[in-house]
Amino acid sequence: MKIPLIGLGTWGLWGAECERIVRLALEIGYCHIDTAFAYENHKQIAKAIRGFPREELFLTTKFALGQVTKTMTLSQVDDKRILKSLEKTCDKALKELGTDYLDALLIHWPNRERPIVEILAAMHRLADKGKIRYPGVSNYTIHHLQDAYDAGLSVPFNQVEFHPHLYQKELLDFCQSHGTQLIAYRPFGKGKLLGEEPLFAELGQKYGKSPAQIILRWIIQKKVPVIPKASSEDHLRENFTIEDFSLSEEEEKSIDLLDQQKRYTNPTWGDFKY
């Protein structure tokens, strides 16, 4: 299982601007493009990736559980119905993205009414059919993942909010111990980290890097791929140029201490028991 360390998040990119930014990213050298049904930009991404070798790309999209189960009552939920509905959702993504397969298909958010096991089992069957390479989840916590592990199901990816103000070390350690690759989104905390923490500017001055590059470097040194959004060529290039320096162990630990367990995405969301 190999995923690029730096990818492009496309939330908030639409229309011609989305197509332009994704194409620029690919020309710079990005391979991983992350999207979701909720972003409503599949078709623009399809236009942008046209002409690039498909085998060199890593395409990820995400779906809401309601897309698969919205027409089912709890008594109607069974393996065949879920697989049929999930395959229909996957086929829609494939058509919109103009591709024969997805590198990763993720459940976008957990849902207390739809435990992970039935859906993830169907996602593994889609992988067996060659429609996706890896099934996975997004925004899942330890006990949500444990349900899957207890059922004997692997979870290749868990995409979560991850940055110095939300250093999810316990989740990271848990995922790594179970063979699940964490992927970081919202690395700059909606920009809050760039303006509120002088440490990043200090380290940036030392290494000749921007505060954003210091944050991204901290994340990949945790062995966590990251998918920052960018809306200009300068920022695309800046985010992509972070593998030519390293933070010292002491510097990395000083950033660890900035953790506040603070979410900037859907901050009212929390863990729950089914």
Protein backbone atom coordinates (compact mmCIF):
# COMPACT_ATOMS: atom_id res chain seq x y z
CA MET A 1 0.00 0.00 0.00
CA LYS A 2 1.72 3.14 -1.23
CA ILE A 3 0.27 6.63 -1.11
CA PRO A 4 2.10 9.90 -1.91
CA LEU A 5 3.13 11.92 1.14
CA ILE A 6 1.81 15.15 -0.38
CA GLY A 7 -1.54 15.34 -2.12
CA LEU A 8 -4.07 17.98 -3.07
CA GLY A 9 -7.28 18.49 -1.15
CA THR A 10 -10.03 19.91 -3.34
CA TRP A 11 -12.76 20.96 -0.90
CA GLY A 12 -13.99 24.39 -1.94
CA LEU A 13 -12.64 24.14 -5.49
CA TRP A 14 -15.32 24.29 -8.19
CA GLY A 15 -15.76 24.90 -11.88
CA ALA A 16 -12.96 26.18 -14.05
CA GLU A 17 -10.90 27.10 -10.98
CA CYS A 18 -10.93 23.49 -9.79
CA GLU A 19 -9.88 22.23 -13.19
CA ARG A 20 -7.07 24.81 -13.39
CA ILE A 21 -5.67 24.08 -9.91
CA VAL A 22 -5.78 20.29 -10.29
CA ARG A 23 -4.06 20.45 -13.67
CA LEU A 24 -1.39 22.80 -12.27
CA ALA A 25 -0.83 20.42 -9.36
CA LEU A 26 -0.33 17.47 -11.69
CA GLU A 27 2.09 19.47 -13.85
CA ILE A 28 4.09 20.36 -10.71
CA GLY A 29 4.33 16.69 -9.77
CA TYR A 30 1.40 15.93 -7.47
CA CYS A 31 -0.10 12.46 -7.89
CA HIS A 32 -2.71 12.23 -5.12
CA ILE A 33 -5.96 14.12 -5.75
CA ASP A 34 -8.54 13.93 -2.96
CA THR A 35 -12.21 14.72 -3.45
CA ALA A 36 -15.68 13.66 -2.27
CA PHE A 37 -19.24 13.54 -3.50
CA ALA A 38 -19.95 16.38 -1.09
CA TYR A 39 -17.41 18.62 -2.87
CA GLU A 40 -19.37 18.44 -6.14
CA ASN A 41 -16.25 18.68 -8.32
CA HIS A 42 -15.78 15.16 -9.73
CA LYS A 43 -16.45 16.25 -13.29
CA GLN A 44 -13.99 19.14 -13.13
CA ILE A 45 -11.32 16.81 -11.78
CA ALA A 46 -12.06 14.39 -14.63
CA LYS A 47 -11.30 17.17 -17.12
CA ALA A 48 -8.11 18.12 -15.29
CA ILE A 49 -6.62 14.61 -15.15
CA ARG A 50 -7.37 13.86 -18.80
CA GLY A 51 -4.10 13.24 -20.62
CA PHE A 52 -2.12 12.22 -17.54
CA PRO A 53 -1.18 8.52 -17.19
CA ARG A 54 -3.84 6.98 -14.94
CA GLU A 55 -1.38 4.55 -13.37
CA GLU A 56 0.67 7.49 -12.07
CA LEU A 57 -2.29 9.05 -10.25
CA PHE A 58 -3.81 8.28 -6.87
CA LEU A 59 -7.50 9.23 -6.87
CA THR A 60 -9.49 9.28 -3.64
CA THR A 61 -13.14 10.09 -3.19
CA LYS A 62 -15.51 9.85 -0.24
CA PHE A 63 -19.21 9.06 0.09
CA ALA A 64 -21.78 9.60 2.81
CA LEU A 65 -23.32 6.51 4.37
CA GLY A 66 -26.74 7.96 3.60
CA GLN A 67 -26.03 7.64 -0.12
CA VAL A 68 -25.89 3.88 0.31
CA THR A 69 -28.53 3.25 2.98
CA LYS A 70 -31.02 6.15 2.66
CA THR A 71 -33.75 4.03 1.04
CA MET A 72 -33.37 1.15 3.51
CA THR A 73 -35.06 0.64 6.84
CA LEU A 74 -32.99 -1.13 9.47
CA SER A 75 -34.92 -4.35 8.78
CA GLN A 76 -34.00 -4.09 5.09
CA VAL A 77 -30.28 -3.76 5.62
CA ASP A 78 -28.59 -6.89 4.34
CA ASP A 79 -25.37 -7.70 2.51
CA LYS A 80 -26.90 -7.95 -0.97
CA ARG A 81 -28.80 -4.67 -0.72
CA ILE A 82 -25.78 -2.83 0.63
CA LEU A 83 -23.45 -4.19 -2.04
CA LYS A 84 -25.88 -3.28 -4.83
CA SER A 85 -26.37 0.25 -3.50
CA LEU A 86 -22.67 0.77 -2.79
CA GLU A 87 -21.70 -0.45 -6.25
CA LYS A 88 -24.16 2.03 -7.75
CA THR A 89 -22.53 4.84 -5.74
CA CYS A 90 -19.06 3.70 -6.79
CA ASP A 91 -20.07 3.48 -10.45
CA LYS A 92 -21.38 7.05 -10.28
CA ALA A 93 -17.99 8.23 -8.96
CA LEU A 94 -16.16 6.31 -11.67
CA LYS A 95 -18.32 7.84 -14.38
CA GLU A 96 -18.01 11.37 -13.02
CA LEU A 97 -14.24 11.08 -12.57
CA GLY A 98 -13.77 9.43 -15.96
CA THR A 99 -11.83 6.46 -14.64
CA ASP A 100 -12.15 2.67 -14.50
CA TYR A 101 -11.11 2.39 -10.85
CA LEU A 102 -10.53 4.42 -7.70
CA ASP A 103 -7.34 4.14 -5.72
CA ALA A 104 -9.26 4.78 -2.49
CA LEU A 105 -12.95 4.98 -1.66
CA LEU A 106 -13.68 6.24 1.85
CA ILE A 107 -16.74 6.50 4.08
CA HIS A 108 -16.82 10.27 4.72
CA TRP A 109 -18.21 10.35 8.29
CA PRO A 110 -19.27 7.74 10.85
CA ASN A 111 -22.99 7.33 11.43
CA ARG A 112 -24.43 5.98 14.68
CA GLU A 113 -27.30 4.34 12.78
CA ARG A 114 -25.04 2.51 10.35
CA PRO A 115 -22.12 0.66 11.97
CA ILE A 116 -19.02 0.22 9.85
CA VAL A 117 -18.90 -3.54 9.44
CA GLU A 118 -21.62 -4.12 6.81
CA ILE A 119 -20.52 -1.23 4.59
CA LEU A 120 -16.81 -1.95 4.85
CA ALA A 121 -17.36 -5.62 4.02
CA ALA A 122 -19.15 -4.54 0.82
CA MET A 123 -16.30 -2.13 0.03
CA HIS A 124 -13.84 -5.02 0.22
CA ARG A 125 -15.99 -6.88 -2.31
CA LEU A 126 -15.74 -3.88 -4.65
CA ALA A 127 -11.97 -4.14 -4.27
CA ASP A 128 -12.19 -7.81 -5.25
CA LYS A 129 -14.05 -6.71 -8.39
CA GLY A 130 -11.28 -4.25 -9.26
CA LYS A 131 -13.42 -1.13 -8.96
CA ILE A 132 -11.39 0.22 -6.07
CA ARG A 133 -7.89 -0.55 -4.85
CA TYR A 134 -8.39 0.31 -1.19
CA PRO A 135 -11.48 0.81 0.98
CA GLY A 136 -11.24 3.14 3.93
CA VAL A 137 -12.89 5.66 6.22
CA SER A 138 -12.66 9.28 7.25
CA ASN A 139 -13.18 10.89 10.67
CA TYR A 140 -13.33 7.52 12.44
CA THR A 141 -12.21 7.07 16.03
CA ILE A 142 -10.57 4.17 17.82
CA HIS A 143 -13.73 2.39 18.88
CA HIS A 144 -15.33 2.80 15.44
CA LEU A 145 -12.25 1.18 13.89
CA GLN A 146 -12.17 -1.54 16.53
CA ASP A 147 -15.56 -2.75 15.29
CA ALA A 148 -14.01 -3.42 11.89
CA TYR A 149 -10.91 -5.09 13.30
CA ASP A 150 -13.06 -7.29 15.56
CA ALA A 151 -14.96 -8.44 12.44
CA GLY A 152 -11.69 -9.38 10.75
CA LEU A 153 -11.81 -6.50 8.27
CA SER A 154 -8.82 -4.39 7.35
CA VAL A 155 -9.11 -0.61 7.09
CA PRO A 156 -6.30 0.59 4.83
CA PHE A 157 -6.97 4.33 5.32
CA ASN A 158 -8.47 6.70 7.88
CA GLN A 159 -8.49 10.34 6.75
CA VAL A 160 -8.81 12.73 9.70
CA GLU A 161 -8.23 16.31 10.76
CA PHE A 162 -4.62 16.33 11.96
CA HIS A 163 -2.40 19.31 12.75
CA PRO A 164 -0.38 20.74 15.67
CA HIS A 165 -3.54 21.90 17.48
CA LEU A 166 -5.10 18.44 16.98
CA TYR A 167 -2.22 16.02 17.31
CA GLN A 168 -4.18 12.77 17.47
CA LYS A 169 -1.29 10.72 18.80
CA GLU A 170 -3.39 7.99 20.41
CA LEU A 171 -5.35 7.49 17.20
CA LEU A 172 -2.15 7.59 15.13
CA ASP A 173 -0.46 4.95 17.30
CA PHE A 174 -3.59 2.79 17.25
CA CYS A 175 -3.91 2.97 13.47
CA GLN A 176 -0.24 2.24 12.90
CA SER A 177 -0.44 -0.80 15.18
CA HIS A 178 -3.33 -2.17 13.08
CA GLY A 179 -1.94 -1.44 9.64
CA THR A 180 -4.23 1.53 8.98
CA GLN A 181 -2.61 4.54 7.32
CA LEU A 182 -3.73 7.86 8.76
CA ILE A 183 -4.10 10.70 6.22
CA ALA A 184 -4.14 14.32 7.40
CA TYR A 185 -6.59 16.92 6.16
CA ARG A 186 -7.00 20.55 7.27
CA PRO A 187 -3.28 20.74 8.16
CA PHE A 188 -3.34 24.49 8.82
CA GLY A 189 -6.48 24.50 10.98
CA LYS A 190 -8.34 26.83 8.59
CA GLY A 191 -5.30 29.10 8.70
CA LYS A 192 -5.44 29.57 12.47
CA LEU A 193 -2.07 27.92 13.05
CA LEU A 194 -0.32 30.16 10.53
CA GLY A 195 -1.22 33.33 12.40
CA GLU A 196 -1.35 32.27 16.02
CA GLU A 197 1.82 30.26 16.59
CA PRO A 198 5.13 32.18 16.32
CA LEU A 199 7.11 28.92 16.55
CA PHE A 200 6.41 28.15 12.89
CA ALA A 201 7.77 31.51 11.75
CA GLU A 202 10.88 31.02 13.92
CA LEU A 203 11.58 27.59 12.49
CA GLY A 204 10.77 28.85 9.02
CA GLN A 205 13.40 31.55 9.33
CA LYS A 206 15.95 28.95 10.39
CA TYR A 207 15.28 26.65 7.42
CA GLY A 208 14.32 29.23 4.82
CA LYS A 209 10.79 27.87 4.73
CA SER A 210 7.30 29.24 5.28
CA PRO A 211 5.24 28.46 8.41
CA ALA A 212 3.01 26.29 6.20
CA GLN A 213 5.99 24.23 5.08
CA ILE A 214 7.10 23.73 8.69
CA ILE A 215 3.65 22.38 9.59
CA LEU A 216 3.55 20.05 6.61
CA ARG A 217 7.05 18.80 7.41
CA TRP A 218 6.00 18.07 11.00
CA ILE A 219 3.08 16.01 9.70
CA ILE A 220 5.04 13.89 7.23
CA GLN A 221 7.73 13.26 9.84
CA LYS A 222 4.93 11.48 11.75
CA LYS A 223 4.70 9.21 8.67
CA VAL A 224 1.31 10.72 7.86
CA PRO A 225 0.48 11.71 4.25
CA VAL A 226 -1.19 15.11 4.03
CA ILE A 227 -3.61 16.72 1.56
CA PRO A 228 -3.45 20.53 1.89
CA LYS A 229 -5.73 22.62 -0.28
CA ALA A 230 -4.13 25.34 -2.41
CA SER A 231 -5.71 27.93 -4.66
CA SER A 232 -2.64 29.41 -6.34
CA GLU A 233 0.39 28.10 -8.19
CA ASP A 234 2.73 29.61 -5.59
CA HIS A 235 1.01 27.75 -2.76
CA LEU A 236 0.90 24.53 -4.75
CA ARG A 237 4.66 24.70 -5.25
CA GLU A 238 5.31 25.74 -1.68
CA ASN A 239 3.29 22.85 -0.23
CA PHE A 240 5.02 20.40 -2.55
CA THR A 241 8.56 21.46 -1.56
CA ILE A 242 8.96 20.05 1.94
CA GLU A 243 11.17 17.02 1.48
CA ASP A 244 14.46 18.93 1.20
CA PHE A 245 14.81 19.57 4.95
CA SER A 246 14.05 17.87 8.27
CA LEU A 247 13.04 19.09 11.69
CA SER A 248 15.21 17.96 14.57
CA GLU A 249 13.75 15.64 17.20
CA GLU A 250 13.70 18.53 19.67
CA GLU A 251 11.93 20.81 17.19
CA GLU A 252 9.37 18.13 16.41
CA LYS A 253 8.64 17.67 20.11
CA SER A 254 8.26 21.42 20.60
CA ILE A 255 5.51 21.37 17.97
CA ASP A 256 3.92 18.32 19.63
CA LEU A 257 3.45 20.46 22.75
CA LEU A 258 1.20 22.89 20.87
CA ASP A 259 -1.57 20.27 20.89
CA GLN A 260 -4.91 21.58 22.17
CA GLN A 261 -7.13 18.73 20.90
CA LYS A 262 -8.97 21.44 19.01
CA ARG A 263 -11.02 20.70 15.92
CA TYR A 264 -11.58 23.32 13.24
CA THR A 265 -13.72 21.14 10.99
CA ASN A 266 -17.25 20.43 12.22
CA PRO A 267 -16.21 21.31 15.79
CA THR A 268 -19.52 20.14 17.29
CA TRP A 269 -18.81 16.62 16.05
CA GLY A 270 -17.67 14.15 18.65
CA ASP A 271 -17.17 10.49 19.26
CA PHE A 272 -20.25 8.41 19.96
CA LYS A 273 -21.31 4.90 20.90
CA TYR A 274 -23.66 3.06 18.59
